[in-house]
Amino acid sequence: MKTLTLNNGVEMPALGLGVFQTPPEETIAAVTAALELGYRHIDTAAAYGNEREVGQALRDSGVPRDEVFVETKIWISDYGYDETLHGFDKSAAKLGLDHIDLLILHQALPSDFDKTIDAYRALEKLLGDGRVRAIGVSNFLTDHLSTLLDATDVVPAVNQLEIHPYFQQRAVLDFDTAHGILNQAWSPIGGITFYPGYGDHHTSVLEDPAVTQIADVHGKSPAQVLLRWGIQQGRSVIPKSTKRHRIAENIDVFDFDLTAAELSALDALETGRRGGPEPEAITLAAHGRAIPEA
């Protein structure tokens, strides 16, 4: 497994299993399969409602704790300094862990960015206390990042973003890279382009002729081509699946390389159309929901 070095020296596996929209009753089986197949990076979130099941699968797997990189996220309802510290306690308890490898803020909260700043300062406290190994953000745009960097001390290690060939967010990627922030792709195979309720204006990037033609050349699946595109460009990728054969397929991406021409062909698929929610539209009134206690 290829690893990436975060800006504080922590090593993170480049590819992980995401569990967004994975029902709790399916999460244990998905994480168990991933660990059996060689995954050592699991990405979850308080808002996903499946941290407890992720933790159960980790404990049952027999894989030593220090071999698995666990990432989770604080939801906007728990923003604020004390609230975020308690959000960590809830996540750690559900996961059954005494420390978390990467803890990130799930969204910016543009309508109350002071709460976002206070939440990030709580992450800095947790980092300083050794309760997390690295901290970061998710779905932050360049203006959010600029304000955050001016108001806090620790540069985020990661910015997790919707990134696939149809929506590449190059301005954010370039800003992150310039500031030593690792880009991490959620929906790296473009799943958001065909989730019900999101991206209905898109066809699936997996079915795009440019992708399927490259897949045919390499004897790989379209999903494997898209994951390789992200990895070769230096990103972390966290594909989601609950099917064992797909989980196995998604990790089998380290035995081939895309050519410069193939990378360019995928880059050229940019549509500029976001599949997921607009980060500027995230508000407590519309998106806030209580995260249960452990």
Protein backbone atom coordinates (compact mmCIF):
# COMPACT_ATOMS: atom_id res chain seq x y z
CA MET A 1 0.00 0.00 0.00
CA LYS A 2 1.35 3.40 -0.99
CA THR A 3 1.48 5.88 1.89
CA LEU A 4 1.36 9.67 1.95
CA THR A 5 3.20 11.84 4.44
CA LEU A 6 1.08 14.53 6.09
CA ASN A 7 2.51 17.97 6.89
CA ASN A 8 3.30 16.92 10.46
CA GLY A 9 5.18 13.78 9.39
CA VAL A 10 2.37 11.29 10.05
CA GLU A 11 2.10 8.53 7.44
CA MET A 12 -1.34 7.78 6.01
CA PRO A 13 -2.30 5.00 3.57
CA ALA A 14 -3.15 6.60 0.24
CA LEU A 15 -6.29 4.53 -0.24
CA GLY A 16 -8.96 3.84 2.34
CA LEU A 17 -12.50 2.57 2.71
CA GLY A 18 -15.20 5.20 3.05
CA VAL A 19 -18.47 4.37 4.83
CA PHE A 20 -20.60 7.35 3.80
CA GLN A 21 -24.23 6.21 3.44
CA THR A 22 -23.32 2.71 4.62
CA PRO A 23 -26.12 1.58 6.94
CA PRO A 24 -24.93 0.55 10.41
CA GLU A 25 -26.11 -3.01 9.84
CA GLU A 26 -23.85 -3.28 6.74
CA THR A 27 -20.85 -1.41 8.13
CA ILE A 28 -19.31 -4.23 10.16
CA ALA A 29 -19.26 -6.56 7.15
CA ALA A 30 -17.83 -3.87 4.84
CA VAL A 31 -15.03 -2.86 7.23
CA THR A 32 -14.28 -6.50 8.05
CA ALA A 33 -13.94 -7.32 4.36
CA ALA A 34 -11.73 -4.29 3.79
CA LEU A 35 -9.36 -5.20 6.59
CA GLU A 36 -9.17 -8.81 5.39
CA LEU A 37 -8.33 -7.56 1.90
CA GLY A 38 -5.48 -5.34 3.07
CA TYR A 39 -7.05 -1.95 3.71
CA ARG A 40 -5.46 -0.08 6.59
CA HIS A 41 -7.34 3.22 6.37
CA ILE A 42 -11.00 3.63 7.33
CA ASP A 43 -12.87 6.93 6.91
CA THR A 44 -16.09 7.53 8.86
CA ALA A 45 -17.88 10.49 10.47
CA ALA A 46 -20.08 11.31 13.43
CA ALA A 47 -22.87 12.26 11.02
CA TYR A 48 -22.75 8.89 9.26
CA GLY A 49 -24.18 7.13 12.30
CA ASN A 50 -21.87 4.12 11.94
CA GLU A 51 -18.79 4.92 14.06
CA ARG A 52 -19.81 2.27 16.61
CA GLU A 53 -19.90 -0.41 13.93
CA VAL A 54 -16.56 0.69 12.50
CA GLY A 55 -15.08 0.28 15.97
CA GLN A 56 -16.64 -3.14 16.40
CA ALA A 57 -15.18 -4.34 13.11
CA LEU A 58 -11.75 -3.00 14.08
CA ARG A 59 -11.81 -4.84 17.40
CA ASP A 60 -13.07 -8.07 15.90
CA SER A 61 -10.55 -8.04 13.06
CA GLY A 62 -7.50 -8.90 15.14
CA VAL A 63 -5.50 -6.32 13.19
CA PRO A 64 -3.28 -4.40 15.63
CA ARG A 65 -4.60 -0.92 16.38
CA ASP A 66 -1.38 0.78 15.31
CA GLU A 67 -1.69 -0.73 11.82
CA VAL A 68 -5.04 0.91 11.01
CA PHE A 69 -5.40 4.61 10.23
CA VAL A 70 -8.79 5.76 11.52
CA GLU A 71 -10.30 9.01 10.30
CA THR A 72 -13.54 10.62 11.46
CA LYS A 73 -15.29 13.98 11.34
CA ILE A 74 -17.00 16.44 13.67
CA TRP A 75 -20.45 17.51 12.47
CA ILE A 76 -21.48 21.20 12.44
CA SER A 77 -23.95 20.68 15.30
CA ASP A 78 -20.95 20.07 17.56
CA TYR A 79 -18.97 23.17 16.49
CA GLY A 80 -17.68 25.50 19.18
CA TYR A 81 -14.68 24.89 21.40
CA ASP A 82 -16.22 22.89 24.24
CA GLU A 83 -18.78 21.30 21.96
CA THR A 84 -16.07 19.99 19.62
CA LEU A 85 -14.03 18.59 22.50
CA HIS A 86 -17.17 16.71 23.53
CA GLY A 87 -17.72 15.68 19.92
CA PHE A 88 -14.32 14.02 19.99
CA ASP A 89 -15.27 12.21 23.22
CA LYS A 90 -18.45 10.90 21.59
CA SER A 91 -16.64 9.69 18.48
CA ALA A 92 -13.77 8.11 20.41
CA ALA A 93 -16.19 6.29 22.69
CA LYS A 94 -18.27 4.96 19.80
CA LEU A 95 -15.15 3.85 17.97
CA GLY A 96 -13.75 2.36 21.17
CA LEU A 97 -10.43 4.16 20.68
CA ASP A 98 -8.27 6.21 23.02
CA HIS A 99 -6.88 8.22 20.10
CA ILE A 100 -7.95 9.00 16.54
CA ASP A 101 -5.44 9.21 13.70
CA LEU A 102 -7.12 12.02 11.76
CA LEU A 103 -9.95 14.22 13.03
CA ILE A 104 -11.46 16.75 10.64
CA LEU A 105 -14.26 19.31 10.54
CA HIS A 106 -16.96 17.92 8.25
CA GLN A 107 -17.99 21.23 6.67
CA ALA A 108 -17.28 24.91 6.91
CA LEU A 109 -20.13 26.84 8.53
CA PRO A 110 -20.06 30.09 6.56
CA SER A 111 -23.07 31.57 8.33
CA ASP A 112 -21.28 31.31 11.69
CA PHE A 113 -17.61 30.97 10.89
CA ASP A 114 -16.62 31.91 14.44
CA LYS A 115 -18.01 28.52 15.50
CA THR A 116 -15.89 26.90 12.81
CA ILE A 117 -12.78 28.66 14.13
CA ASP A 118 -13.57 27.65 17.71
CA ALA A 119 -14.11 24.06 16.58
CA TYR A 120 -10.75 24.00 14.83
CA ARG A 121 -9.04 25.44 17.92
CA ALA A 122 -10.49 22.48 19.82
CA LEU A 123 -8.88 20.18 17.24
CA GLU A 124 -5.58 21.98 17.87
CA LYS A 125 -6.01 21.28 21.60
CA LEU A 126 -6.69 17.59 20.94
CA LEU A 127 -3.63 17.44 18.71
CA GLY A 128 -1.47 19.09 21.35
CA ASP A 129 -2.74 16.66 23.96
CA GLY A 130 -1.90 13.65 21.77
CA ARG A 131 -5.51 12.50 21.50
CA VAL A 132 -5.40 12.86 17.72
CA ARG A 133 -2.38 12.41 15.45
CA ALA A 134 -3.43 14.87 12.76
CA ILE A 135 -6.23 17.37 12.15
CA GLY A 136 -7.89 18.75 9.06
CA VAL A 137 -11.02 19.93 7.30
CA SER A 138 -13.50 18.78 4.69
CA ASN A 139 -15.36 20.66 1.96
CA PHE A 140 -13.47 23.91 2.69
CA LEU A 141 -13.12 26.35 -0.19
CA THR A 142 -10.21 28.76 -0.60
CA ASP A 143 -11.85 31.64 1.27
CA HIS A 144 -12.72 29.33 4.17
CA LEU A 145 -9.14 28.10 4.27
CA SER A 146 -7.65 31.60 4.10
CA THR A 147 -9.75 32.76 7.05
CA LEU A 148 -8.95 29.62 9.01
CA LEU A 149 -5.20 29.91 8.40
CA ASP A 150 -5.21 33.55 9.54
CA ALA A 151 -7.05 32.72 12.78
CA THR A 152 -5.36 29.48 13.90
CA ASP A 153 -1.89 28.04 14.42
CA VAL A 154 -1.87 24.55 12.89
CA VAL A 155 -2.15 24.20 9.12
CA PRO A 156 -4.72 21.48 8.32
CA ALA A 157 -3.08 18.21 7.31
CA VAL A 158 -5.93 17.29 4.97
CA ASN A 159 -8.81 18.87 3.06
CA GLN A 160 -11.34 16.23 2.05
CA LEU A 161 -13.25 17.27 -1.07
CA GLU A 162 -15.56 16.02 -3.79
CA ILE A 163 -13.01 15.21 -6.50
CA HIS A 164 -13.61 13.14 -9.64
CA PRO A 165 -13.05 13.90 -13.33
CA TYR A 166 -16.42 15.65 -13.69
CA PHE A 167 -15.70 18.00 -10.76
CA GLN A 168 -12.05 18.62 -9.95
CA GLN A 169 -11.97 21.85 -7.86
CA ARG A 170 -8.55 22.76 -9.25
CA ALA A 171 -8.39 26.16 -7.54
CA VAL A 172 -8.89 24.51 -4.13
CA LEU A 173 -6.45 21.70 -4.95
CA ASP A 174 -3.80 24.23 -5.94
CA PHE A 175 -4.38 26.32 -2.80
CA ASP A 176 -4.08 23.22 -0.62
CA THR A 177 -0.88 22.11 -2.30
CA ALA A 178 0.65 25.57 -1.97
CA HIS A 179 -0.02 25.50 1.78
CA GLY A 180 1.07 21.92 2.44
CA ILE A 181 -2.47 20.57 2.83
CA LEU A 182 -3.04 17.09 1.39
CA ASN A 183 -6.02 16.74 -0.95
CA GLN A 184 -8.27 13.81 -0.13
CA ALA A 185 -11.02 12.76 -2.53
CA TRP A 186 -14.43 11.69 -1.38
CA SER A 187 -16.50 10.28 -4.24
CA PRO A 188 -13.25 9.55 -6.14
CA ILE A 189 -15.07 7.29 -8.61
CA GLY A 190 -17.83 9.82 -9.12
CA GLY A 191 -20.47 8.01 -7.09
CA ILE A 192 -22.01 11.33 -6.17
CA THR A 193 -22.95 11.73 -9.84
CA PHE A 194 -25.52 8.99 -9.51
CA TYR A 195 -26.55 8.97 -5.85
CA PRO A 196 -30.30 9.61 -5.64
CA GLY A 197 -30.93 13.26 -4.91
CA TYR A 198 -27.46 14.43 -5.94
CA GLY A 199 -25.88 14.99 -9.29
CA ASP A 200 -29.00 14.02 -11.22
CA HIS A 201 -27.85 16.29 -14.05
CA HIS A 202 -24.88 13.98 -14.65
CA THR A 203 -24.48 10.63 -16.26
CA SER A 204 -22.14 8.37 -14.34
CA VAL A 205 -18.48 9.15 -14.88
CA LEU A 206 -17.92 5.39 -14.75
CA GLU A 207 -19.77 5.14 -18.06
CA ASP A 208 -17.94 7.99 -19.79
CA PRO A 209 -16.33 6.71 -23.04
CA ALA A 210 -13.02 8.38 -22.18
CA VAL A 211 -12.91 6.35 -18.95
CA THR A 212 -14.08 3.05 -20.38
CA GLN A 213 -11.60 3.25 -23.26
CA ILE A 214 -8.68 3.73 -20.86
CA ALA A 215 -9.99 0.88 -18.72
CA ASP A 216 -10.06 -1.42 -21.75
CA VAL A 217 -6.44 -0.56 -22.62
CA HIS A 218 -5.20 -1.52 -19.15
CA GLY A 219 -7.52 -4.44 -18.55
CA LYS A 220 -8.92 -2.65 -15.52
CA SER A 221 -12.37 -1.47 -14.47
CA PRO A 222 -13.48 2.16 -14.88
CA ALA A 223 -13.46 2.51 -11.08
CA GLN A 224 -9.85 1.35 -10.93
CA VAL A 225 -8.88 3.87 -13.60
CA LEU A 226 -10.51 6.72 -11.67
CA LEU A 227 -8.81 5.72 -8.42
CA ARG A 228 -5.47 5.48 -10.19
CA TRP A 229 -6.03 8.96 -11.67
CA GLY A 230 -6.37 10.37 -8.16
CA ILE A 231 -3.46 8.45 -6.68
CA GLN A 232 -1.07 9.37 -9.50
CA GLN A 233 -1.89 13.02 -8.95
CA GLY A 234 -0.86 12.73 -5.31
CA ARG A 235 -4.26 12.55 -3.68
CA SER A 236 -5.67 10.32 -0.99
CA VAL A 237 -8.76 8.43 -2.20
CA ILE A 238 -11.48 6.87 -0.07
CA PRO A 239 -13.91 4.91 -2.26
CA LYS A 240 -17.05 3.57 -0.65
CA SER A 241 -18.57 0.14 -1.24
CA THR A 242 -20.41 -2.50 0.75
CA LYS A 243 -19.78 -5.29 -1.76
CA ARG A 244 -16.75 -7.46 -1.07
CA HIS A 245 -15.82 -7.88 -4.74
CA ARG A 246 -15.94 -4.11 -5.25
CA ILE A 247 -13.91 -3.50 -2.09
CA ALA A 248 -11.32 -5.96 -3.46
CA GLU A 249 -11.36 -4.31 -6.88
CA ASN A 250 -10.86 -0.83 -5.44
CA ILE A 251 -7.61 -1.70 -3.67
CA ASP A 252 -6.17 -3.43 -6.74
CA VAL A 253 -4.84 -0.20 -8.27
CA PHE A 254 -1.12 -0.28 -7.53
CA ASP A 255 0.05 -2.47 -10.42
CA PHE A 256 -0.44 -0.13 -13.38
CA ASP A 257 0.21 3.48 -14.40
CA LEU A 258 -1.79 5.86 -16.53
CA THR A 259 0.16 7.65 -19.23
CA ALA A 260 0.44 11.43 -19.35
CA ALA A 261 -2.00 11.43 -22.26
CA GLU A 262 -4.50 9.34 -20.31
CA LEU A 263 -4.26 11.61 -17.28
CA SER A 264 -4.86 14.60 -19.54
CA ALA A 265 -7.87 12.92 -21.15
CA LEU A 266 -9.42 12.42 -17.71
CA ASP A 267 -8.57 15.98 -16.68
CA ALA A 268 -10.42 17.19 -19.77
CA LEU A 269 -13.73 15.73 -18.51
CA GLU A 270 -14.24 18.62 -16.08
CA THR A 271 -17.82 19.96 -16.15
CA GLY A 272 -17.60 22.50 -13.32
CA ARG A 273 -20.79 21.07 -11.85
CA ARG A 274 -20.75 19.97 -8.24
CA GLY A 275 -22.55 16.74 -7.39
CA GLY A 276 -22.81 17.21 -3.63
CA PRO A 277 -24.14 20.07 -1.51
CA GLU A 278 -22.82 23.58 -2.05
CA PRO A 279 -20.42 24.35 0.83
CA GLU A 280 -21.69 27.93 1.03
CA ALA A 281 -25.24 26.64 1.58
CA ILE A 282 -24.42 24.67 4.75
CA THR A 283 -26.25 26.16 7.75
CA LEU A 284 -27.23 24.92 11.17
CA ALA A 285 -30.87 25.69 10.40
CA ALA A 286 -30.90 23.52 7.30
CA HIS A 287 -28.31 20.87 8.15
CA GLY A 288 -27.90 20.79 11.91
CA ARG A 289 -28.87 17.60 13.69
CA ALA A 290 -27.96 16.32 17.10
CA ILE A 291 -25.16 13.75 17.20
CA PRO A 292 -26.17 11.13 19.78
CA GLU A 293 -24.13 10.52 22.89
CA ALA A 294 -22.02 7.40 23.06
